[in-house]
Amino acid sequence: MSEPMSEIASLSFEAAMARLEEIVRKLESGSVPLEESIALYEQGSALKAQCDRVLRAAEEKIEKIRSRDGVAVGTEPAEGL
């Protein structure tokens, strides 16, 4: 069930989020022993960091797309978000 930290870095955003949601559900249930809770918390932290990395990379790609002649035109969120 638990993934090695090295495998977390290769997960897609969606896979990392799904695993993180699963960990949160387990921890919130209160049915996990303390040692396993600590391990799950560590894994959750690594998954959150992976999601942050993937989102930052996506933001950088979007900013490049939104650039004109090498000058960024802005980073405002799209309407309705």
PDB file of N, CA and C in Angstrom:
ATOM      1  N   MET A   1       0.823  -1.193   0.000  1.00  0.00           N
ATOM      2  CA  MET A   1       0.000   0.000   0.000  1.00  0.00           C
ATOM      3  C   MET A   1       0.860   1.246   0.000  1.00  0.00           C
ATOM      4  N   SER A   2       1.906   1.245   0.775  1.00  0.00           N
ATOM      5  CA  SER A   2       2.762   2.421   0.864  1.00  0.00           C
ATOM      6  C   SER A   2       3.783   2.413  -0.258  1.00  0.00           C
ATOM      7  N   GLU A   3       3.954   3.593  -0.861  1.00  0.00           N
ATOM      8  CA  GLU A   3       4.871   3.721  -1.990  1.00  0.00           C
ATOM      9  C   GLU A   3       6.201   4.277  -1.506  1.00  0.00           C
ATOM     10  N   PRO A   4       7.309   3.755  -2.017  1.00  0.00           N
ATOM     11  CA  PRO A   4       8.605   4.350  -1.681  1.00  0.00           C
ATOM     12  C   PRO A   4       8.649   5.793  -2.162  1.00  0.00           C
ATOM     13  N   MET A   5       9.364   6.628  -1.416  1.00  0.00           N
ATOM     14  CA  MET A   5       9.440   8.051  -1.751  1.00  0.00           C
ATOM     15  C   MET A   5       9.960   8.277  -3.164  1.00  0.00           C
ATOM     16  N   SER A   6      10.864   7.405  -3.641  1.00  0.00           N
ATOM     17  CA  SER A   6      11.408   7.579  -4.992  1.00  0.00           C
ATOM     18  C   SER A   6      10.323   7.409  -6.055  1.00  0.00           C
ATOM     19  N   GLU A   7       9.329   6.579  -5.785  1.00  0.00           N
ATOM     20  CA  GLU A   7       8.244   6.373  -6.747  1.00  0.00           C
ATOM     21  C   GLU A   7       7.276   7.546  -6.763  1.00  0.00           C
ATOM     22  N   ILE A   8       7.171   8.255  -5.664  1.00  0.00           N
ATOM     23  CA  ILE A   8       6.257   9.396  -5.585  1.00  0.00           C
ATOM     24  C   ILE A   8       6.643  10.456  -6.607  1.00  0.00           C
ATOM     25  N   ALA A   9       7.938  10.675  -6.797  1.00  0.00           N
ATOM     26  CA  ALA A   9       8.407  11.706  -7.724  1.00  0.00           C
ATOM     27  C   ALA A   9       7.997  11.428  -9.158  1.00  0.00           C
ATOM     28  N   SER A  10       7.681  10.193  -9.482  1.00  0.00           N
ATOM     29  CA  SER A  10       7.303   9.867 -10.858  1.00  0.00           C
ATOM     30  C   SER A  10       5.787   9.856 -11.067  1.00  0.00           C
ATOM     31  N   LEU A  11       5.017  10.118 -10.023  1.00  0.00           N
ATOM     32  CA  LEU A  11       3.557  10.087 -10.140  1.00  0.00           C
ATOM     33  C   LEU A  11       3.028  11.319 -10.860  1.00  0.00           C
ATOM     34  N   SER A  12       1.962  11.118 -11.612  1.00  0.00           N
ATOM     35  CA  SER A  12       1.269  12.255 -12.225  1.00  0.00           C
ATOM     36  C   SER A  12       0.540  13.017 -11.117  1.00  0.00           C
ATOM     37  N   PHE A  13       0.101  14.213 -11.436  1.00  0.00           N
ATOM     38  CA  PHE A  13      -0.645  15.014 -10.468  1.00  0.00           C
ATOM     39  C   PHE A  13      -1.889  14.253  -9.997  1.00  0.00           C
ATOM     40  N   GLU A  14      -2.617  13.682 -10.950  1.00  0.00           N
ATOM     41  CA  GLU A  14      -3.864  12.983 -10.610  1.00  0.00           C
ATOM     42  C   GLU A  14      -3.608  11.772  -9.714  1.00  0.00           C
ATOM     43  N   ALA A  15      -2.571  11.011 -10.018  1.00  0.00           N
ATOM     44  CA  ALA A  15      -2.250   9.831  -9.208  1.00  0.00           C
ATOM     45  C   ALA A  15      -1.802  10.245  -7.804  1.00  0.00           C
ATOM     46  N   ALA A  16      -0.999  11.300  -7.722  1.00  0.00           N
ATOM     47  CA  ALA A  16      -0.537  11.773  -6.414  1.00  0.00           C
ATOM     48  C   ALA A  16      -1.712  12.285  -5.590  1.00  0.00           C
ATOM     49  N   MET A  17      -2.634  13.030  -6.215  1.00  0.00           N
ATOM     50  CA  MET A  17      -3.805  13.543  -5.495  1.00  0.00           C
ATOM     51  C   MET A  17      -4.697  12.405  -5.015  1.00  0.00           C
ATOM     52  N   ALA A  18      -4.898  11.395  -5.853  1.00  0.00           N
ATOM     53  CA  ALA A  18      -5.734  10.255  -5.459  1.00  0.00           C
ATOM     54  C   ALA A  18      -5.131   9.546  -4.256  1.00  0.00           C
ATOM     55  N   ARG A  19      -3.830   9.348  -4.279  1.00  0.00           N
ATOM     56  CA  ARG A  19      -3.149   8.685  -3.157  1.00  0.00           C
ATOM     57  C   ARG A  19      -3.218   9.564  -1.902  1.00  0.00           C
ATOM     58  N   LEU A  20      -3.047  10.864  -2.070  1.00  0.00           N
ATOM     59  CA  LEU A  20      -3.121  11.785  -0.939  1.00  0.00           C
ATOM     60  C   LEU A  20      -4.516  11.769  -0.322  1.00  0.00           C
ATOM     61  N   GLU A  21      -5.546  11.764  -1.155  1.00  0.00           N
ATOM     62  CA  GLU A  21      -6.921  11.691  -0.650  1.00  0.00           C
ATOM     63  C   GLU A  21      -7.160  10.404   0.121  1.00  0.00           C
ATOM     64  N   GLU A  22      -6.604   9.306  -0.365  1.00  0.00           N
ATOM     65  CA  GLU A  22      -6.735   8.013   0.315  1.00  0.00           C
ATOM     66  C   GLU A  22      -6.073   8.074   1.701  1.00  0.00           C
ATOM     67  N   ILE A  23      -4.904   8.685   1.761  1.00  0.00           N
ATOM     68  CA  ILE A  23      -4.188   8.813   3.037  1.00  0.00           C
ATOM     69  C   ILE A  23      -4.982   9.666   4.015  1.00  0.00           C
ATOM     70  N   VAL A  24      -5.538  10.767   3.540  1.00  0.00           N
ATOM     71  CA  VAL A  24      -6.327  11.649   4.406  1.00  0.00           C
ATOM     72  C   VAL A  24      -7.526  10.897   4.972  1.00  0.00           C
ATOM     73  N   ARG A  25      -8.215  10.135   4.114  1.00  0.00           N
ATOM     74  CA  ARG A  25      -9.368   9.346   4.594  1.00  0.00           C
ATOM     75  C   ARG A  25      -8.941   8.377   5.689  1.00  0.00           C
ATOM     76  N   LYS A  26      -7.822   7.683   5.483  1.00  0.00           N
ATOM     77  CA  LYS A  26      -7.346   6.716   6.489  1.00  0.00           C
ATOM     78  C   LYS A  26      -7.016   7.416   7.800  1.00  0.00           C
ATOM     79  N   LEU A  27      -6.310   8.539   7.715  1.00  0.00           N
ATOM     80  CA  LEU A  27      -5.915   9.248   8.924  1.00  0.00           C
ATOM     81  C   LEU A  27      -7.131   9.822   9.652  1.00  0.00           C
ATOM     82  N   GLU A  28      -8.087  10.341   8.897  1.00  0.00           N
ATOM     83  CA  GLU A  28      -9.287  10.899   9.513  1.00  0.00           C
ATOM     84  C   GLU A  28     -10.172   9.838  10.149  1.00  0.00           C
ATOM     85  N   SER A  29     -10.080   8.605   9.675  1.00  0.00           N
ATOM     86  CA  SER A  29     -10.906   7.537  10.229  1.00  0.00           C
ATOM     87  C   SER A  29     -10.505   7.193  11.664  1.00  0.00           C
ATOM     88  N   GLY A  30      -9.251   7.456  12.000  1.00  0.00           N
ATOM     89  CA  GLY A  30      -8.776   7.166  13.354  1.00  0.00           C
ATOM     90  C   GLY A  30      -8.528   5.697  13.610  1.00  0.00           C
ATOM     91  N   SER A  31      -8.582   4.880  12.577  1.00  0.00           N
ATOM     92  CA  SER A  31      -8.436   3.436  12.765  1.00  0.00           C
ATOM     93  C   SER A  31      -7.020   2.937  12.477  1.00  0.00           C
ATOM     94  N   VAL A  32      -6.088   3.860  12.283  1.00  0.00           N
ATOM     95  CA  VAL A  32      -4.726   3.487  11.923  1.00  0.00           C
ATOM     96  C   VAL A  32      -3.835   3.588  13.164  1.00  0.00           C
ATOM     97  N   PRO A  33      -3.025   2.571  13.428  1.00  0.00           N
ATOM     98  CA  PRO A  33      -2.107   2.633  14.571  1.00  0.00           C
ATOM     99  C   PRO A  33      -1.129   3.811  14.441  1.00  0.00           C
ATOM    100  N   LEU A  34      -0.611   4.267  15.558  1.00  0.00           N
ATOM    101  CA  LEU A  34       0.243   5.447  15.601  1.00  0.00           C
ATOM    102  C   LEU A  34       1.421   5.369  14.635  1.00  0.00           C
ATOM    103  N   GLU A  35       2.171   4.282  14.665  1.00  0.00           N
ATOM    104  CA  GLU A  35       3.345   4.170  13.784  1.00  0.00           C
ATOM    105  C   GLU A  35       2.965   4.254  12.315  1.00  0.00           C
ATOM    106  N   GLU A  36       1.870   3.604  11.945  1.00  0.00           N
ATOM    107  CA  GLU A  36       1.410   3.668  10.558  1.00  0.00           C
ATOM    108  C   GLU A  36       0.918   5.074  10.225  1.00  0.00           C
ATOM    109  N   SER A  37       0.290   5.742  11.194  1.00  0.00           N
ATOM    110  CA  SER A  37      -0.158   7.123  10.988  1.00  0.00           C
ATOM    111  C   SER A  37       1.014   8.040  10.679  1.00  0.00           C
ATOM    112  N   ILE A  38       2.107   7.853  11.398  1.00  0.00           N
ATOM    113  CA  ILE A  38       3.299   8.671  11.172  1.00  0.00           C
ATOM    114  C   ILE A  38       3.847   8.418   9.771  1.00  0.00           C
ATOM    115  N   ALA A  39       3.923   7.148   9.379  1.00  0.00           N
ATOM    116  CA  ALA A  39       4.421   6.809   8.038  1.00  0.00           C
ATOM    117  C   ALA A  39       3.503   7.378   6.962  1.00  0.00           C
ATOM    118  N   LEU A  40       2.194   7.298   7.178  1.00  0.00           N
ATOM    119  CA  LEU A  40       1.246   7.850   6.208  1.00  0.00           C
ATOM    120  C   LEU A  40       1.379   9.365   6.123  1.00  0.00           C
ATOM    121  N   TYR A  41       1.585  10.008   7.268  1.00  0.00           N
ATOM    122  CA  TYR A  41       1.760  11.460   7.280  1.00  0.00           C
ATOM    123  C   TYR A  41       2.998  11.865   6.475  1.00  0.00           C
ATOM    124  N   GLU A  42       4.080  11.129   6.666  1.00  0.00           N
ATOM    125  CA  GLU A  42       5.314  11.413   5.905  1.00  0.00           C
ATOM    126  C   GLU A  42       5.076  11.234   4.413  1.00  0.00           C
ATOM    127  N   GLN A  43       4.386  10.165   4.067  1.00  0.00           N
ATOM    128  CA  GLN A  43       4.095   9.912   2.661  1.00  0.00           C
ATOM    129  C   GLN A  43       3.172  10.997   2.103  1.00  0.00           C
ATOM    130  N   GLY A  44       2.191  11.412   2.888  1.00  0.00           N
ATOM    131  CA  GLY A  44       1.297  12.483   2.467  1.00  0.00           C
ATOM    132  C   GLY A  44       2.045  13.779   2.216  1.00  0.00           C
ATOM    133  N   SER A  45       3.006  14.066   3.066  1.00  0.00           N
ATOM    134  CA  SER A  45       3.821  15.263   2.892  1.00  0.00           C
ATOM    135  C   SER A  45       4.609  15.206   1.582  1.00  0.00           C
ATOM    136  N   ALA A  46       5.162  14.040   1.275  1.00  0.00           N
ATOM    137  CA  ALA A  46       5.899  13.864   0.027  1.00  0.00           C
ATOM    138  C   ALA A  46       4.962  13.972  -1.184  1.00  0.00           C
ATOM    139  N   LEU A  47       3.756  13.452  -1.052  1.00  0.00           N
ATOM    140  CA  LEU A  47       2.780  13.546  -2.144  1.00  0.00           C
ATOM    141  C   LEU A  47       2.354  14.992  -2.371  1.00  0.00           C
ATOM    142  N   LYS A  48       2.163  15.746  -1.302  1.00  0.00           N
ATOM    143  CA  LYS A  48       1.821  17.162  -1.431  1.00  0.00           C
ATOM    144  C   LYS A  48       2.943  17.915  -2.140  1.00  0.00           C
ATOM    145  N   ALA A  49       4.177  17.623  -1.773  1.00  0.00           N
ATOM    146  CA  ALA A  49       5.318  18.270  -2.429  1.00  0.00           C
ATOM    147  C   ALA A  49       5.344  17.923  -3.916  1.00  0.00           C
ATOM    148  N   GLN A  50       5.040  16.688  -4.269  1.00  0.00           N
ATOM    149  CA  GLN A  50       4.989  16.275  -5.675  1.00  0.00           C
ATOM    150  C   GLN A  50       3.898  17.047  -6.416  1.00  0.00           C
ATOM    151  N   CYS A  51       2.728  17.172  -5.807  1.00  0.00           N
ATOM    152  CA  CYS A  51       1.638  17.929  -6.432  1.00  0.00           C
ATOM    153  C   CYS A  51       2.060  19.384  -6.640  1.00  0.00           C
ATOM    154  N   ASP A  52       2.710  19.966  -5.642  1.00  0.00           N
ATOM    155  CA  ASP A  52       3.193  21.344  -5.768  1.00  0.00           C
ATOM    156  C   ASP A  52       4.180  21.483  -6.924  1.00  0.00           C
ATOM    157  N   ARG A  53       5.098  20.518  -7.059  1.00  0.00           N
ATOM    158  CA  ARG A  53       6.077  20.564  -8.158  1.00  0.00           C
ATOM    159  C   ARG A  53       5.381  20.504  -9.515  1.00  0.00           C
ATOM    160  N   VAL A  54       4.424  19.595  -9.643  1.00  0.00           N
ATOM    161  CA  VAL A  54       3.723  19.437 -10.917  1.00  0.00           C
ATOM    162  C   VAL A  54       2.925  20.704 -11.240  1.00  0.00           C
ATOM    163  N   LEU A  55       2.265  21.282 -10.241  1.00  0.00           N
ATOM    164  CA  LEU A  55       1.501  22.503 -10.473  1.00  0.00           C
ATOM    165  C   LEU A  55       2.410  23.672 -10.850  1.00  0.00           C
ATOM    166  N   ARG A  56       3.552  23.796 -10.195  1.00  0.00           N
ATOM    167  CA  ARG A  56       4.510  24.858 -10.546  1.00  0.00           C
ATOM    168  C   ARG A  56       4.981  24.704 -11.989  1.00  0.00           C
ATOM    169  N   ALA A  57       5.263  23.476 -12.393  1.00  0.00           N
ATOM    170  CA  ALA A  57       5.701  23.220 -13.769  1.00  0.00           C
ATOM    171  C   ALA A  57       4.590  23.593 -14.755  1.00  0.00           C
ATOM    172  N   ALA A  58       3.353  23.276 -14.415  1.00  0.00           N
ATOM    173  CA  ALA A  58       2.226  23.621 -15.283  1.00  0.00           C
ATOM    174  C   ALA A  58       2.074  25.135 -15.376  1.00  0.00           C
ATOM    175  N   GLU A  59       2.214  25.824 -14.244  1.00  0.00           N
ATOM    176  CA  GLU A  59       2.126  27.288 -14.252  1.00  0.00           C
ATOM    177  C   GLU A  59       3.214  27.898 -15.126  1.00  0.00           C
ATOM    178  N   GLU A  60       4.420  27.341 -15.057  1.00  0.00           N
ATOM    179  CA  GLU A  60       5.514  27.848 -15.889  1.00  0.00           C
ATOM    180  C   GLU A  60       5.211  27.653 -17.378  1.00  0.00           C
ATOM    181  N   LYS A  61       4.647  26.504 -17.728  1.00  0.00           N
ATOM    182  CA  LYS A  61       4.290  26.251 -19.127  1.00  0.00           C
ATOM    183  C   LYS A  61       3.222  27.236 -19.592  1.00  0.00           C
ATOM    184  N   ILE A  62       2.236  27.469 -18.742  1.00  0.00           N
ATOM    185  CA  ILE A  62       1.163  28.406 -19.100  1.00  0.00           C
ATOM    186  C   ILE A  62       1.716  29.808 -19.264  1.00  0.00           C
ATOM    187  N   GLU A  63       2.617  30.196 -18.381  1.00  0.00           N
ATOM    188  CA  GLU A  63       3.207  31.527 -18.486  1.00  0.00           C
ATOM    189  C   GLU A  63       3.989  31.679 -19.784  1.00  0.00           C
ATOM    190  N   LYS A  64       4.689  30.621 -20.202  1.00  0.00           N
ATOM    191  CA  LYS A  64       5.409  30.672 -21.479  1.00  0.00           C
ATOM    192  C   LYS A  64       4.445  30.814 -22.637  1.00  0.00           C
ATOM    193  N   ILE A  65       3.330  30.123 -22.562  1.00  0.00           N
ATOM    194  CA  ILE A  65       2.327  30.198 -23.622  1.00  0.00           C
ATOM    195  C   ILE A  65       1.736  31.606 -23.688  1.00  0.00           C
ATOM    196  N   ARG A  66       1.560  32.209 -22.536  1.00  0.00           N
ATOM    197  CA  ARG A  66       0.950  33.539 -22.463  1.00  0.00           C
ATOM    198  C   ARG A  66       1.941  34.660 -22.775  1.00  0.00           C
ATOM    199  N   SER A  67       3.185  34.322 -22.986  1.00  0.00           N
ATOM    200  CA  SER A  67       4.203  35.337 -23.275  1.00  0.00           C
ATOM    201  C   SER A  67       4.109  35.802 -24.722  1.00  0.00           C
ATOM    202  N   ARG A  68       4.449  37.054 -24.924  1.00  0.00           N
ATOM    203  CA  ARG A  68       4.546  37.601 -26.285  1.00  0.00           C
ATOM    204  C   ARG A  68       5.923  38.203 -26.434  1.00  0.00           C
ATOM    205  N   ASP A  69       6.664  37.751 -27.405  1.00  0.00           N
ATOM    206  CA  ASP A  69       8.009  38.262 -27.672  1.00  0.00           C
ATOM    207  C   ASP A  69       8.888  38.218 -26.428  1.00  0.00           C
ATOM    208  N   GLY A  70       8.715  37.194 -25.617  1.00  0.00           N
ATOM    209  CA  GLY A  70       9.542  37.039 -24.427  1.00  0.00           C
ATOM    210  C   GLY A  70       9.103  37.863 -23.238  1.00  0.00           C
ATOM    211  N   VAL A  71       8.001  38.624 -23.369  1.00  0.00           N
ATOM    212  CA  VAL A  71       7.507  39.448 -22.273  1.00  0.00           C
ATOM    213  C   VAL A  71       6.184  38.858 -21.798  1.00  0.00           C
ATOM    214  N   ALA A  72       6.135  38.498 -20.541  1.00  0.00           N
ATOM    215  CA  ALA A  72       4.908  37.911 -19.994  1.00  0.00           C
ATOM    216  C   ALA A  72       3.787  38.938 -20.030  1.00  0.00           C
ATOM    217  N   VAL A  73       2.599  38.505 -20.419  1.00  0.00           N
ATOM    218  CA  VAL A  73       1.463  39.407 -20.478  1.00  0.00           C
ATOM    219  C   VAL A  73       0.643  39.373 -19.194  1.00  0.00           C
ATOM    220  N   GLY A  74       1.008  38.524 -18.257  1.00  0.00           N
ATOM    221  CA  GLY A  74       0.324  38.470 -16.974  1.00  0.00           C
ATOM    222  C   GLY A  74       0.094  37.058 -16.509  1.00  0.00           C
ATOM    223  N   THR A  75      -0.284  36.952 -15.251  1.00  0.00           N
ATOM    224  CA  THR A  75      -0.514  35.634 -14.676  1.00  0.00           C
ATOM    225  C   THR A  75      -1.843  35.592 -13.918  1.00  0.00           C
ATOM    226  N   GLU A  76      -2.812  36.422 -14.331  1.00  0.00           N
ATOM    227  CA  GLU A  76      -4.092  36.441 -13.660  1.00  0.00           C
ATOM    228  C   GLU A  76      -4.850  35.139 -13.914  1.00  0.00           C
ATOM    229  N   PRO A  77      -5.661  34.706 -12.953  1.00  0.00           N
ATOM    230  CA  PRO A  77      -6.461  33.503 -13.184  1.00  0.00           C
ATOM    231  C   PRO A  77      -7.503  33.753 -14.274  1.00  0.00           C
ATOM    232  N   ALA A  78      -7.917  32.708 -14.932  1.00  0.00           N
ATOM    233  CA  ALA A  78      -8.936  32.812 -15.964  1.00  0.00           C
ATOM    234  C   ALA A  78     -10.273  33.188 -15.334  1.00  0.00           C
ATOM    235  N   GLU A  79     -11.147  33.778 -16.103  1.00  0.00           N
ATOM    236  CA  GLU A  79     -12.476  34.147 -15.628  1.00  0.00           C
ATOM    237  C   GLU A  79     -13.191  32.924 -15.057  1.00  0.00           C
ATOM    238  N   GLY A  80     -13.867  33.103 -13.956  1.00  0.00           N
ATOM    239  CA  GLY A  80     -14.664  32.027 -13.378  1.00  0.00           C
ATOM    240  C   GLY A  80     -13.891  31.050 -12.514  1.00  0.00           C
ATOM    241  N   LEU A  81     -12.606  31.234 -12.329  1.00  0.00           N
ATOM    242  CA  LEU A  81     -11.829  30.318 -11.478  1.00  0.00           C
ATOM    243  C   LEU A  81     -11.658  30.895 -10.111  1.00  0.00           C
TER     244      LEU A  81
END
